[in-house]
């Protein structure tokens, strides 16, 4: 089930290089990575970011982190919440379709969420 949802997401987003369902600890539940993107490192780092942001949000009262994007020279990287403990990590080429990625991530959330609760 997880692999099918992730594969569909990757196929529908122009420029998608890799996608992974990860726990907040950064450990992958399922991954599709045909381009040798360092998803294990990215997942671990993003898990740390989310934990830090959650801590800051208790002081700022901004609510839960639903999506986090990092744009660099090599990648556009999204971390999108499925549940408070699970996220989809999507990596695009710099010329990838940012808007379509956000739309497909929001759809995938609902397909995966019930399986994880």
PDB file of N, CA and C in Angstrom:
ATOM      1  N   UNK A   1       0.824  -1.199   0.000  1.00  0.00           N
ATOM      2  CA  UNK A   1       0.000   0.000   0.000  1.00  0.00           C
ATOM      3  C   UNK A   1       0.866   1.260   0.000  1.00  0.00           C
ATOM      4  N   UNK A   2       1.836   1.342   0.938  1.00  0.00           N
ATOM      5  CA  UNK A   2       2.674   2.536   1.031  1.00  0.00           C
ATOM      6  C   UNK A   2       3.439   2.769  -0.271  1.00  0.00           C
ATOM      7  N   UNK A   3       4.037   1.702  -0.787  1.00  0.00           N
ATOM      8  CA  UNK A   3       4.854   1.825  -2.000  1.00  0.00           C
ATOM      9  C   UNK A   3       4.011   2.301  -3.187  1.00  0.00           C
ATOM     10  N   UNK A   4       2.788   1.810  -3.308  1.00  0.00           N
ATOM     11  CA  UNK A   4       1.918   2.229  -4.413  1.00  0.00           C
ATOM     12  C   UNK A   4       1.594   3.717  -4.338  1.00  0.00           C
ATOM     13  N   UNK A   5       1.294   4.199  -3.153  1.00  0.00           N
ATOM     14  CA  UNK A   5       0.974   5.623  -2.983  1.00  0.00           C
ATOM     15  C   UNK A   5       2.198   6.476  -3.295  1.00  0.00           C
ATOM     16  N   UNK A   6       3.354   6.076  -2.790  1.00  0.00           N
ATOM     17  CA  UNK A   6       4.576   6.838  -3.033  1.00  0.00           C
ATOM     18  C   UNK A   6       4.956   6.824  -4.516  1.00  0.00           C
ATOM     19  N   UNK A   7       4.807   5.668  -5.170  1.00  0.00           N
ATOM     20  CA  UNK A   7       5.133   5.566  -6.598  1.00  0.00           C
ATOM     21  C   UNK A   7       4.203   6.455  -7.422  1.00  0.00           C
ATOM     22  N   UNK A   8       2.927   6.460  -7.082  1.00  0.00           N
ATOM     23  CA  UNK A   8       1.984   7.318  -7.791  1.00  0.00           C
ATOM     24  C   UNK A   8       2.312   8.786  -7.620  1.00  0.00           C
ATOM     25  N   UNK A   9       2.680   9.171  -6.411  1.00  0.00           N
ATOM     26  CA  UNK A   9       3.066  10.554  -6.141  1.00  0.00           C
ATOM     27  C   UNK A   9       4.281  10.928  -6.980  1.00  0.00           C
ATOM     28  N   UNK A  10       5.282  10.067  -6.995  1.00  0.00           N
ATOM     29  CA  UNK A  10       6.497  10.347  -7.749  1.00  0.00           C
ATOM     30  C   UNK A  10       6.206  10.464  -9.250  1.00  0.00           C
ATOM     31  N   UNK A  11       5.341   9.627  -9.773  1.00  0.00           N
ATOM     32  CA  UNK A  11       5.025   9.649 -11.202  1.00  0.00           C
ATOM     33  C   UNK A  11       4.256  10.898 -11.615  1.00  0.00           C
ATOM     34  N   UNK A  12       3.441  11.430 -10.717  1.00  0.00           N
ATOM     35  CA  UNK A  12       2.602  12.580 -11.059  1.00  0.00           C
ATOM     36  C   UNK A  12       3.283  13.934 -10.865  1.00  0.00           C
ATOM     37  N   UNK A  13       4.449  13.950 -10.250  1.00  0.00           N
ATOM     38  CA  UNK A  13       5.142  15.223  -9.995  1.00  0.00           C
ATOM     39  C   UNK A  13       6.370  15.319 -10.899  1.00  0.00           C
ATOM     40  N   UNK A  14       6.330  16.269 -11.823  1.00  0.00           N
ATOM     41  CA  UNK A  14       7.479  16.485 -12.705  1.00  0.00           C
ATOM     42  C   UNK A  14       8.695  16.877 -11.878  1.00  0.00           C
ATOM     43  N   UNK A  15       9.800  16.189 -12.136  1.00  0.00           N
ATOM     44  CA  UNK A  15      11.041  16.499 -11.444  1.00  0.00           C
ATOM     45  C   UNK A  15      11.255  15.727 -10.163  1.00  0.00           C
ATOM     46  N   UNK A  16      10.317  14.855  -9.785  1.00  0.00           N
ATOM     47  CA  UNK A  16      10.480  14.077  -8.544  1.00  0.00           C
ATOM     48  C   UNK A  16      11.640  13.104  -8.694  1.00  0.00           C
ATOM     49  N   UNK A  17      12.562  13.147  -7.761  1.00  0.00           N
ATOM     50  CA  UNK A  17      13.737  12.293  -7.800  1.00  0.00           C
ATOM     51  C   UNK A  17      13.621  11.123  -6.833  1.00  0.00           C
ATOM     52  N   UNK A  18      13.010  11.372  -5.681  1.00  0.00           N
ATOM     53  CA  UNK A  18      12.899  10.343  -4.653  1.00  0.00           C
ATOM     54  C   UNK A  18      11.783  10.720  -3.696  1.00  0.00           C
ATOM     55  N   UNK A  19      11.224   9.695  -3.058  1.00  0.00           N
ATOM     56  CA  UNK A  19      10.151   9.925  -2.093  1.00  0.00           C
ATOM     57  C   UNK A  19      10.239   8.837  -1.024  1.00  0.00           C
ATOM     58  N   UNK A  20       9.929   9.223   0.203  1.00  0.00           N
ATOM     59  CA  UNK A  20      10.020   8.275   1.305  1.00  0.00           C
ATOM     60  C   UNK A  20       8.966   8.599   2.360  1.00  0.00           C
ATOM     61  N   UNK A  21       8.422   7.564   2.954  1.00  0.00           N
ATOM     62  CA  UNK A  21       7.563   7.710   4.126  1.00  0.00           C
ATOM     63  C   UNK A  21       8.471   7.464   5.321  1.00  0.00           C
ATOM     64  N   UNK A  22       8.614   8.473   6.174  1.00  0.00           N
ATOM     65  CA  UNK A  22       9.548   8.357   7.302  1.00  0.00           C
ATOM     66  C   UNK A  22       8.841   8.632   8.618  1.00  0.00           C
ATOM     67  N   UNK A  23       9.409   8.040   9.667  1.00  0.00           N
ATOM     68  CA  UNK A  23       8.962   8.357  11.007  1.00  0.00           C
ATOM     69  C   UNK A  23       9.644   9.631  11.478  1.00  0.00           C
ATOM     70  N   UNK A  24       9.145  10.187  12.550  1.00  0.00           N
ATOM     71  CA  UNK A  24       9.730  11.415  13.100  1.00  0.00           C
ATOM     72  C   UNK A  24      11.196  11.207  13.491  1.00  0.00           C
ATOM     73  N   UNK A  25      11.576   9.967  13.750  1.00  0.00           N
ATOM     74  CA  UNK A  25      12.964   9.654  14.073  1.00  0.00           C
ATOM     75  C   UNK A  25      13.864   9.637  12.839  1.00  0.00           C
ATOM     76  N   UNK A  26      13.271   9.810  11.648  1.00  0.00           N
ATOM     77  CA  UNK A  26      14.041   9.841  10.411  1.00  0.00           C
ATOM     78  C   UNK A  26      14.213   8.487   9.752  1.00  0.00           C
ATOM     79  N   UNK A  27      13.694   7.437  10.372  1.00  0.00           N
ATOM     80  CA  UNK A  27      13.822   6.092   9.815  1.00  0.00           C
ATOM     81  C   UNK A  27      12.722   5.865   8.791  1.00  0.00           C
ATOM     82  N   UNK A  28      13.113   5.369   7.616  1.00  0.00           N
ATOM     83  CA  UNK A  28      12.172   5.163   6.515  1.00  0.00           C
ATOM     84  C   UNK A  28      11.305   3.930   6.739  1.00  0.00           C
ATOM     85  N   UNK A  29      10.013   4.093   6.457  1.00  0.00           N
ATOM     86  CA  UNK A  29       9.070   2.977   6.439  1.00  0.00           C
ATOM     87  C   UNK A  29       9.055   2.370   5.036  1.00  0.00           C
ATOM     88  N   UNK A  30       9.053   3.237   4.025  1.00  0.00           N
ATOM     89  CA  UNK A  30       9.076   2.817   2.610  1.00  0.00           C
ATOM     90  C   UNK A  30       9.745   3.921   1.815  1.00  0.00           C
ATOM     91  N   UNK A  31      10.510   3.526   0.788  1.00  0.00           N
ATOM     92  CA  UNK A  31      11.282   4.490   0.007  1.00  0.00           C
ATOM     93  C   UNK A  31      11.295   4.111  -1.464  1.00  0.00           C
ATOM     94  N   UNK A  32      11.245   5.121  -2.312  1.00  0.00           N
ATOM     95  CA  UNK A  32      11.503   4.956  -3.741  1.00  0.00           C
ATOM     96  C   UNK A  32      12.594   5.965  -4.080  1.00  0.00           C
ATOM     97  N   UNK A  33      13.747   5.449  -4.485  1.00  0.00           N
ATOM     98  CA  UNK A  33      14.904   6.315  -4.706  1.00  0.00           C
ATOM     99  C   UNK A  33      15.738   5.746  -5.846  1.00  0.00           C
ATOM    100  N   UNK A  34      15.438   6.142  -7.061  1.00  0.00           N
ATOM    101  CA  UNK A  34      16.154   5.648  -8.233  1.00  0.00           C
ATOM    102  C   UNK A  34      17.381   6.493  -8.572  1.00  0.00           C
ATOM    103  N   UNK A  35      17.564   7.604  -7.890  1.00  0.00           N
ATOM    104  CA  UNK A  35      18.605   8.554  -8.285  1.00  0.00           C
ATOM    105  C   UNK A  35      19.677   8.751  -7.220  1.00  0.00           C
ATOM    106  N   UNK A  36      19.764   7.848  -6.276  1.00  0.00           N
ATOM    107  CA  UNK A  36      20.788   7.913  -5.223  1.00  0.00           C
ATOM    108  C   UNK A  36      20.778   9.209  -4.426  1.00  0.00           C
ATOM    109  N   UNK A  37      19.598   9.732  -4.163  1.00  0.00           N
ATOM    110  CA  UNK A  37      19.444  10.894  -3.294  1.00  0.00           C
ATOM    111  C   UNK A  37      19.709  10.415  -1.863  1.00  0.00           C
ATOM    112  N   UNK A  38      20.471  11.147  -1.063  1.00  0.00           N
ATOM    113  CA  UNK A  38      20.790  10.697   0.305  1.00  0.00           C
ATOM    114  C   UNK A  38      19.589  10.831   1.258  1.00  0.00           C
ATOM    115  N   UNK A  39      18.553  10.034   1.002  1.00  0.00           N
ATOM    116  CA  UNK A  39      17.315  10.141   1.785  1.00  0.00           C
ATOM    117  C   UNK A  39      17.507   9.811   3.253  1.00  0.00           C
ATOM    118  N   UNK A  40      18.384   8.868   3.566  1.00  0.00           N
ATOM    119  CA  UNK A  40      18.583   8.521   4.973  1.00  0.00           C
ATOM    120  C   UNK A  40      19.120   9.713   5.761  1.00  0.00           C
ATOM    121  N   UNK A  41      20.061  10.432   5.177  1.00  0.00           N
ATOM    122  CA  UNK A  41      20.626  11.610   5.843  1.00  0.00           C
ATOM    123  C   UNK A  41      19.590  12.731   5.890  1.00  0.00           C
ATOM    124  N   UNK A  42      18.916  12.977   4.760  1.00  0.00           N
ATOM    125  CA  UNK A  42      17.891  14.024   4.722  1.00  0.00           C
ATOM    126  C   UNK A  42      16.773  13.730   5.724  1.00  0.00           C
ATOM    127  N   UNK A  43      16.341  12.484   5.786  1.00  0.00           N
ATOM    128  CA  UNK A  43      15.282  12.104   6.728  1.00  0.00           C
ATOM    129  C   UNK A  43      15.681  12.355   8.171  1.00  0.00           C
ATOM    130  N   UNK A  44      16.895  11.973   8.510  1.00  0.00           N
ATOM    131  CA  UNK A  44      17.365  12.182   9.883  1.00  0.00           C
ATOM    132  C   UNK A  44      17.470  13.670  10.208  1.00  0.00           C
ATOM    133  N   UNK A  45      17.995  14.451   9.269  1.00  0.00           N
ATOM    134  CA  UNK A  45      18.124  15.891   9.502  1.00  0.00           C
ATOM    135  C   UNK A  45      16.766  16.567   9.609  1.00  0.00           C
ATOM    136  N   UNK A  46      15.852  16.220   8.712  1.00  0.00           N
ATOM    137  CA  UNK A  46      14.526  16.828   8.756  1.00  0.00           C
ATOM    138  C   UNK A  46      13.770  16.425  10.012  1.00  0.00           C
ATOM    139  N   UNK A  47      13.953  15.196  10.469  1.00  0.00           N
ATOM    140  CA  UNK A  47      13.332  14.793  11.731  1.00  0.00           C
ATOM    141  C   UNK A  47      13.795  15.697  12.868  1.00  0.00           C
ATOM    142  N   UNK A  48      15.086  16.021  12.860  1.00  0.00           N
ATOM    143  CA  UNK A  48      15.626  16.947  13.858  1.00  0.00           C
ATOM    144  C   UNK A  48      15.055  18.343  13.717  1.00  0.00           C
ATOM    145  N   UNK A  49      14.898  18.814  12.471  1.00  0.00           N
ATOM    146  CA  UNK A  49      14.289  20.130  12.239  1.00  0.00           C
ATOM    147  C   UNK A  49      12.880  20.188  12.809  1.00  0.00           C
ATOM    148  N   UNK A  50      12.094  19.174  12.517  1.00  0.00           N
ATOM    149  CA  UNK A  50      10.701  19.162  12.971  1.00  0.00           C
ATOM    150  C   UNK A  50      10.642  19.172  14.493  1.00  0.00           C
ATOM    151  N   UNK A  51      11.486  18.395  15.130  1.00  0.00           N
ATOM    152  CA  UNK A  51      11.510  18.393  16.602  1.00  0.00           C
ATOM    153  C   UNK A  51      11.860  19.780  17.137  1.00  0.00           C
ATOM    154  N   UNK A  52      12.851  20.441  16.517  1.00  0.00           N
ATOM    155  CA  UNK A  52      13.235  21.788  16.950  1.00  0.00           C
ATOM    156  C   UNK A  52      12.120  22.789  16.717  1.00  0.00           C
ATOM    157  N   UNK A  53      11.477  22.698  15.553  1.00  0.00           N
ATOM    158  CA  UNK A  53      10.388  23.619  15.234  1.00  0.00           C
ATOM    159  C   UNK A  53       9.219  23.404  16.180  1.00  0.00           C
ATOM    160  N   UNK A  54       8.915  22.145  16.491  1.00  0.00           N
ATOM    161  CA  UNK A  54       7.830  21.866  17.439  1.00  0.00           C
ATOM    162  C   UNK A  54       8.107  22.514  18.789  1.00  0.00           C
ATOM    163  N   UNK A  55       9.358  22.434  19.232  1.00  0.00           N
ATOM    164  CA  UNK A  55       9.729  23.041  20.510  1.00  0.00           C
ATOM    165  C   UNK A  55       9.558  24.563  20.447  1.00  0.00           C
ATOM    166  N   UNK A  56      10.015  25.166  19.346  1.00  0.00           N
ATOM    167  CA  UNK A  56       9.867  26.619  19.184  1.00  0.00           C
ATOM    168  C   UNK A  56       8.395  27.006  19.094  1.00  0.00           C
ATOM    169  N   UNK A  57       7.587  26.165  18.461  1.00  0.00           N
ATOM    170  CA  UNK A  57       6.170  26.486  18.307  1.00  0.00           C
ATOM    171  C   UNK A  57       5.425  26.524  19.628  1.00  0.00           C
ATOM    172  N   UNK A  58       5.892  25.792  20.627  1.00  0.00           N
ATOM    173  CA  UNK A  58       5.231  25.867  21.924  1.00  0.00           C
ATOM    174  C   UNK A  58       5.394  27.262  22.517  1.00  0.00           C
ATOM    175  N   UNK A  59       6.501  27.910  22.223  1.00  0.00           N
ATOM    176  CA  UNK A  59       6.731  29.267  22.701  1.00  0.00           C
ATOM    177  C   UNK A  59       6.038  30.306  21.818  1.00  0.00           C
ATOM    178  N   UNK A  60       5.951  30.033  20.520  1.00  0.00           N
ATOM    179  CA  UNK A  60       5.383  30.991  19.572  1.00  0.00           C
ATOM    180  C   UNK A  60       3.893  30.795  19.341  1.00  0.00           C
ATOM    181  N   UNK A  61       3.368  29.638  19.734  1.00  0.00           N
ATOM    182  CA  UNK A  61       1.954  29.319  19.588  1.00  0.00           C
ATOM    183  C   UNK A  61       1.486  29.433  18.124  1.00  0.00           C
ATOM    184  N   UNK A  62       2.262  28.811  17.208  1.00  0.00           N
ATOM    185  CA  UNK A  62       1.919  28.861  15.785  1.00  0.00           C
ATOM    186  C   UNK A  62       1.210  27.603  15.294  1.00  0.00           C
ATOM    187  N   UNK A  63       1.090  26.594  16.136  1.00  0.00           N
ATOM    188  CA  UNK A  63       0.423  25.360  15.739  1.00  0.00           C
ATOM    189  C   UNK A  63       1.394  24.320  15.218  1.00  0.00           C
ATOM    190  N   UNK A  64       0.837  23.182  14.812  1.00  0.00           N
ATOM    191  CA  UNK A  64       1.644  22.060  14.330  1.00  0.00           C
ATOM    192  C   UNK A  64       2.309  22.375  12.994  1.00  0.00           C
ATOM    193  N   UNK A  65       3.453  21.756  12.753  1.00  0.00           N
ATOM    194  CA  UNK A  65       4.145  21.864  11.476  1.00  0.00           C
ATOM    195  C   UNK A  65       3.471  20.884  10.516  1.00  0.00           C
ATOM    196  N   UNK A  66       2.860  21.400   9.449  1.00  0.00           N
ATOM    197  CA  UNK A  66       2.175  20.563   8.476  1.00  0.00           C
ATOM    198  C   UNK A  66       3.049  20.270   7.265  1.00  0.00           C
ATOM    199  N   UNK A  67       3.894  21.231   6.907  1.00  0.00           N
ATOM    200  CA  UNK A  67       4.784  21.034   5.771  1.00  0.00           C
ATOM    201  C   UNK A  67       5.999  21.930   5.930  1.00  0.00           C
ATOM    202  N   UNK A  68       7.129  21.382   5.518  1.00  0.00           N
ATOM    203  CA  UNK A  68       8.394  22.095   5.605  1.00  0.00           C
ATOM    204  C   UNK A  68       9.074  21.944   4.246  1.00  0.00           C
ATOM    205  N   UNK A  69       9.564  23.027   3.660  1.00  0.00           N
ATOM    206  CA  UNK A  69      10.257  22.972   2.369  1.00  0.00           C
ATOM    207  C   UNK A  69      11.639  23.596   2.513  1.00  0.00           C
ATOM    208  N   UNK A  70      12.590  22.962   1.859  1.00  0.00           N
ATOM    209  CA  UNK A  70      13.957  23.482   1.821  1.00  0.00           C
ATOM    210  C   UNK A  70      14.385  23.505   0.364  1.00  0.00           C
ATOM    211  N   UNK A  71      14.761  24.676  -0.121  1.00  0.00           N
ATOM    212  CA  UNK A  71      15.177  24.844  -1.507  1.00  0.00           C
ATOM    213  C   UNK A  71      16.680  25.121  -1.511  1.00  0.00           C
ATOM    214  N   UNK A  72      17.418  24.249  -2.199  1.00  0.00           N
ATOM    215  CA  UNK A  72      18.866  24.412  -2.314  1.00  0.00           C
ATOM    216  C   UNK A  72      19.244  24.392  -3.792  1.00  0.00           C
ATOM    217  N   UNK A  73      20.526  24.518  -4.077  1.00  0.00           N
ATOM    218  CA  UNK A  73      20.988  24.479  -5.461  1.00  0.00           C
ATOM    219  C   UNK A  73      20.695  23.144  -6.129  1.00  0.00           C
ATOM    220  N   UNK A  74      20.750  22.042  -5.374  1.00  0.00           N
ATOM    221  CA  UNK A  74      20.601  20.705  -5.953  1.00  0.00           C
ATOM    222  C   UNK A  74      19.188  20.142  -5.858  1.00  0.00           C
ATOM    223  N   UNK A  75      18.421  20.558  -4.846  1.00  0.00           N
ATOM    224  CA  UNK A  75      17.129  19.929  -4.588  1.00  0.00           C
ATOM    225  C   UNK A  75      16.087  20.937  -4.110  1.00  0.00           C
ATOM    226  N   UNK A  76      14.834  20.596  -4.372  1.00  0.00           N
ATOM    227  CA  UNK A  76      13.707  21.158  -3.633  1.00  0.00           C
ATOM    228  C   UNK A  76      13.212  20.000  -2.787  1.00  0.00           C
ATOM    229  N   UNK A  77      13.202  20.174  -1.507  1.00  0.00           N
ATOM    230  CA  UNK A  77      12.853  19.084  -0.604  1.00  0.00           C
ATOM    231  C   UNK A  77      11.660  19.468   0.245  1.00  0.00           C
ATOM    232  N   UNK A  78      10.669  18.585   0.270  1.00  0.00           N
ATOM    233  CA  UNK A  78       9.467  18.782   1.083  1.00  0.00           C
ATOM    234  C   UNK A  78       9.407  17.721   2.164  1.00  0.00           C
ATOM    235  N   UNK A  79       8.985  18.130   3.316  1.00  0.00           N
ATOM    236  CA  UNK A  79       8.624  17.199   4.376  1.00  0.00           C
ATOM    237  C   UNK A  79       7.190  17.552   4.735  1.00  0.00           C
ATOM    238  N   UNK A  80       6.283  16.612   4.507  1.00  0.00           N
ATOM    239  CA  UNK A  80       4.861  16.879   4.659  1.00  0.00           C
ATOM    240  C   UNK A  80       4.248  15.894   5.651  1.00  0.00           C
ATOM    241  N   UNK A  81       3.528  16.422   6.640  1.00  0.00           N
ATOM    242  CA  UNK A  81       2.963  15.582   7.696  1.00  0.00           C
ATOM    243  C   UNK A  81       1.859  14.674   7.158  1.00  0.00           C
ATOM    244  N   UNK A  82       1.915  13.408   7.578  1.00  0.00           N
ATOM    245  CA  UNK A  82       0.830  12.458   7.355  1.00  0.00           C
ATOM    246  C   UNK A  82       0.076  12.300   8.673  1.00  0.00           C
ATOM    247  N   UNK A  83       0.820  12.036   9.730  1.00  0.00           N
ATOM    248  CA  UNK A  83       0.321  12.031  11.107  1.00  0.00           C
ATOM    249  C   UNK A  83       1.375  12.781  11.921  1.00  0.00           C
ATOM    250  N   UNK A  84       1.129  13.062  13.190  1.00  0.00           N
ATOM    251  CA  UNK A  84       2.172  13.750  13.970  1.00  0.00           C
ATOM    252  C   UNK A  84       3.489  12.971  14.074  1.00  0.00           C
ATOM    253  N   UNK A  85       3.460  11.667  13.796  1.00  0.00           N
ATOM    254  CA  UNK A  85       4.670  10.852  13.902  1.00  0.00           C
ATOM    255  C   UNK A  85       5.250  10.405  12.567  1.00  0.00           C
ATOM    256  N   UNK A  86       4.538  10.641  11.465  1.00  0.00           N
ATOM    257  CA  UNK A  86       4.989  10.194  10.149  1.00  0.00           C
ATOM    258  C   UNK A  86       4.890  11.314   9.120  1.00  0.00           C
ATOM    259  N   UNK A  87       5.879  11.350   8.241  1.00  0.00           N
ATOM    260  CA  UNK A  87       5.978  12.386   7.220  1.00  0.00           C
ATOM    261  C   UNK A  87       6.351  11.772   5.878  1.00  0.00           C
ATOM    262  N   UNK A  88       5.964  12.458   4.809  1.00  0.00           N
ATOM    263  CA  UNK A  88       6.443  12.102   3.478  1.00  0.00           C
ATOM    264  C   UNK A  88       7.581  13.053   3.149  1.00  0.00           C
ATOM    265  N   UNK A  89       8.703  12.494   2.753  1.00  0.00           N
ATOM    266  CA  UNK A  89       9.858  13.265   2.305  1.00  0.00           C
ATOM    267  C   UNK A  89       9.913  13.146   0.784  1.00  0.00           C
ATOM    268  N   UNK A  90       9.776  14.258   0.085  1.00  0.00           N
ATOM    269  CA  UNK A  90       9.789  14.291  -1.376  1.00  0.00           C
ATOM    270  C   UNK A  90      10.927  15.192  -1.833  1.00  0.00           C
ATOM    271  N   UNK A  91      11.743  14.670  -2.739  1.00  0.00           N
ATOM    272  CA  UNK A  91      12.884  15.429  -3.261  1.00  0.00           C
ATOM    273  C   UNK A  91      12.689  15.640  -4.757  1.00  0.00           C
ATOM    274  N   UNK A  92      12.757  16.913  -5.176  1.00  0.00           N
ATOM    275  CA  UNK A  92      12.610  17.298  -6.583  1.00  0.00           C
ATOM    276  C   UNK A  92      13.906  17.899  -7.111  1.00  0.00           C
ATOM    277  N   UNK A  93      14.046  17.846  -8.425  1.00  0.00           N
ATOM    278  CA  UNK A  93      15.100  18.631  -9.065  1.00  0.00           C
ATOM    279  C   UNK A  93      14.750  20.111  -8.887  1.00  0.00           C
ATOM    280  N   UNK A  94      15.722  21.008  -9.015  1.00  0.00           N
ATOM    281  CA  UNK A  94      15.427  22.443  -8.858  1.00  0.00           C
ATOM    282  C   UNK A  94      14.379  22.974  -9.831  1.00  0.00           C
ATOM    283  N   UNK A  95      14.226  22.330 -10.985  1.00  0.00           N
ATOM    284  CA  UNK A  95      13.221  22.770 -11.954  1.00  0.00           C
ATOM    285  C   UNK A  95      11.911  21.973 -11.825  1.00  0.00           C
ATOM    286  N   UNK A  96      11.774  21.232 -10.733  1.00  0.00           N
ATOM    287  CA  UNK A  96      10.577  20.422 -10.520  1.00  0.00           C
ATOM    288  C   UNK A  96       9.329  21.275 -10.299  1.00  0.00           C
ATOM    289  N   UNK A  97       8.183  20.636 -10.395  1.00  0.00           N
ATOM    290  CA  UNK A  97       6.898  21.321 -10.284  1.00  0.00           C
ATOM    291  C   UNK A  97       6.499  21.453  -8.806  1.00  0.00           C
ATOM    292  N   UNK A  98       6.842  22.581  -8.226  1.00  0.00           N
ATOM    293  CA  UNK A  98       6.626  22.877  -6.807  1.00  0.00           C
ATOM    294  C   UNK A  98       5.140  22.811  -6.427  1.00  0.00           C
ATOM    295  N   UNK A  99       4.297  23.450  -7.216  1.00  0.00           N
ATOM    296  CA  UNK A  99       2.866  23.485  -6.924  1.00  0.00           C
ATOM    297  C   UNK A  99       2.226  22.110  -6.995  1.00  0.00           C
ATOM    298  N   UNK A 100       2.568  21.345  -8.042  1.00  0.00           N
ATOM    299  CA  UNK A 100       2.020  20.001  -8.180  1.00  0.00           C
ATOM    300  C   UNK A 100       2.490  19.117  -7.035  1.00  0.00           C
ATOM    301  N   UNK A 101       3.730  19.303  -6.601  1.00  0.00           N
ATOM    302  CA  UNK A 101       4.255  18.531  -5.475  1.00  0.00           C
ATOM    303  C   UNK A 101       3.418  18.773  -4.224  1.00  0.00           C
ATOM    304  N   UNK A 102       3.125  20.014  -3.924  1.00  0.00           N
ATOM    305  CA  UNK A 102       2.321  20.332  -2.734  1.00  0.00           C
ATOM    306  C   UNK A 102       0.926  19.728  -2.833  1.00  0.00           C
ATOM    307  N   UNK A 103       0.318  19.796  -4.021  1.00  0.00           N
ATOM    308  CA  UNK A 103      -1.012  19.232  -4.238  1.00  0.00           C
ATOM    309  C   UNK A 103      -0.997  17.713  -4.051  1.00  0.00           C
ATOM    310  N   UNK A 104      -0.038  17.038  -4.651  1.00  0.00           N
ATOM    311  CA  UNK A 104       0.039  15.580  -4.554  1.00  0.00           C
ATOM    312  C   UNK A 104       0.377  15.128  -3.136  1.00  0.00           C
ATOM    313  N   UNK A 105       1.172  15.897  -2.424  1.00  0.00           N
ATOM    314  CA  UNK A 105       1.469  15.574  -1.028  1.00  0.00           C
ATOM    315  C   UNK A 105       0.209  15.646  -0.173  1.00  0.00           C
ATOM    316  N   UNK A 106      -0.627  16.631  -0.427  1.00  0.00           N
ATOM    317  CA  UNK A 106      -1.865  16.747   0.356  1.00  0.00           C
ATOM    318  C   UNK A 106      -2.800  15.580   0.058  1.00  0.00           C
ATOM    319  N   UNK A 107      -2.847  15.104  -1.169  1.00  0.00           N
ATOM    320  CA  UNK A 107      -3.666  13.937  -1.509  1.00  0.00           C
ATOM    321  C   UNK A 107      -3.103  12.667  -0.868  1.00  0.00           C
ATOM    322  N   UNK A 108      -1.792  12.497  -0.937  1.00  0.00           N
ATOM    323  CA  UNK A 108      -1.154  11.297  -0.393  1.00  0.00           C
ATOM    324  C   UNK A 108      -1.363  11.186   1.118  1.00  0.00           C
ATOM    325  N   UNK A 109      -1.420  12.316   1.785  1.00  0.00           N
ATOM    326  CA  UNK A 109      -1.636  12.325   3.234  1.00  0.00           C
ATOM    327  C   UNK A 109      -2.880  11.526   3.601  1.00  0.00           C
ATOM    328  N   UNK A 110      -3.960  11.763   2.879  1.00  0.00           N
ATOM    329  CA  UNK A 110      -5.221  11.098   3.203  1.00  0.00           C
ATOM    330  C   UNK A 110      -5.207   9.622   2.829  1.00  0.00           C
ATOM    331  N   UNK A 111      -4.439   9.251   1.830  1.00  0.00           N
ATOM    332  CA  UNK A 111      -4.342   7.852   1.443  1.00  0.00           C
ATOM    333  C   UNK A 111      -3.524   7.038   2.447  1.00  0.00           C
ATOM    334  N   UNK A 112      -2.537   7.679   3.049  1.00  0.00           N
ATOM    335  CA  UNK A 112      -1.640   6.980   3.977  1.00  0.00           C
ATOM    336  C   UNK A 112      -2.069   7.031   5.432  1.00  0.00           C
ATOM    337  N   UNK A 113      -2.736   8.101   5.801  1.00  0.00           N
ATOM    338  CA  UNK A 113      -3.015   8.377   7.207  1.00  0.00           C
ATOM    339  C   UNK A 113      -3.737   7.227   7.919  1.00  0.00           C
ATOM    340  N   UNK A 114      -4.798   6.696   7.315  1.00  0.00           N
ATOM    341  CA  UNK A 114      -5.572   5.646   7.968  1.00  0.00           C
ATOM    342  C   UNK A 114      -4.766   4.378   8.202  1.00  0.00           C
ATOM    343  N   UNK A 115      -3.769   4.117   7.344  1.00  0.00           N
ATOM    344  CA  UNK A 115      -2.930   2.940   7.495  1.00  0.00           C
ATOM    345  C   UNK A 115      -1.940   3.090   8.664  1.00  0.00           C
ATOM    346  N   UNK A 116      -1.678   4.316   9.059  1.00  0.00           N
ATOM    347  CA  UNK A 116      -0.656   4.573  10.079  1.00  0.00           C
ATOM    348  C   UNK A 116      -1.223   4.804  11.481  1.00  0.00           C
ATOM    349  N   UNK A 117      -2.515   5.053  11.562  1.00  0.00           N
ATOM    350  CA  UNK A 117      -3.107   5.353  12.871  1.00  0.00           C
ATOM    351  C   UNK A 117      -3.461   4.086  13.605  1.00  0.00           C
TER     352      UNK A 117
END
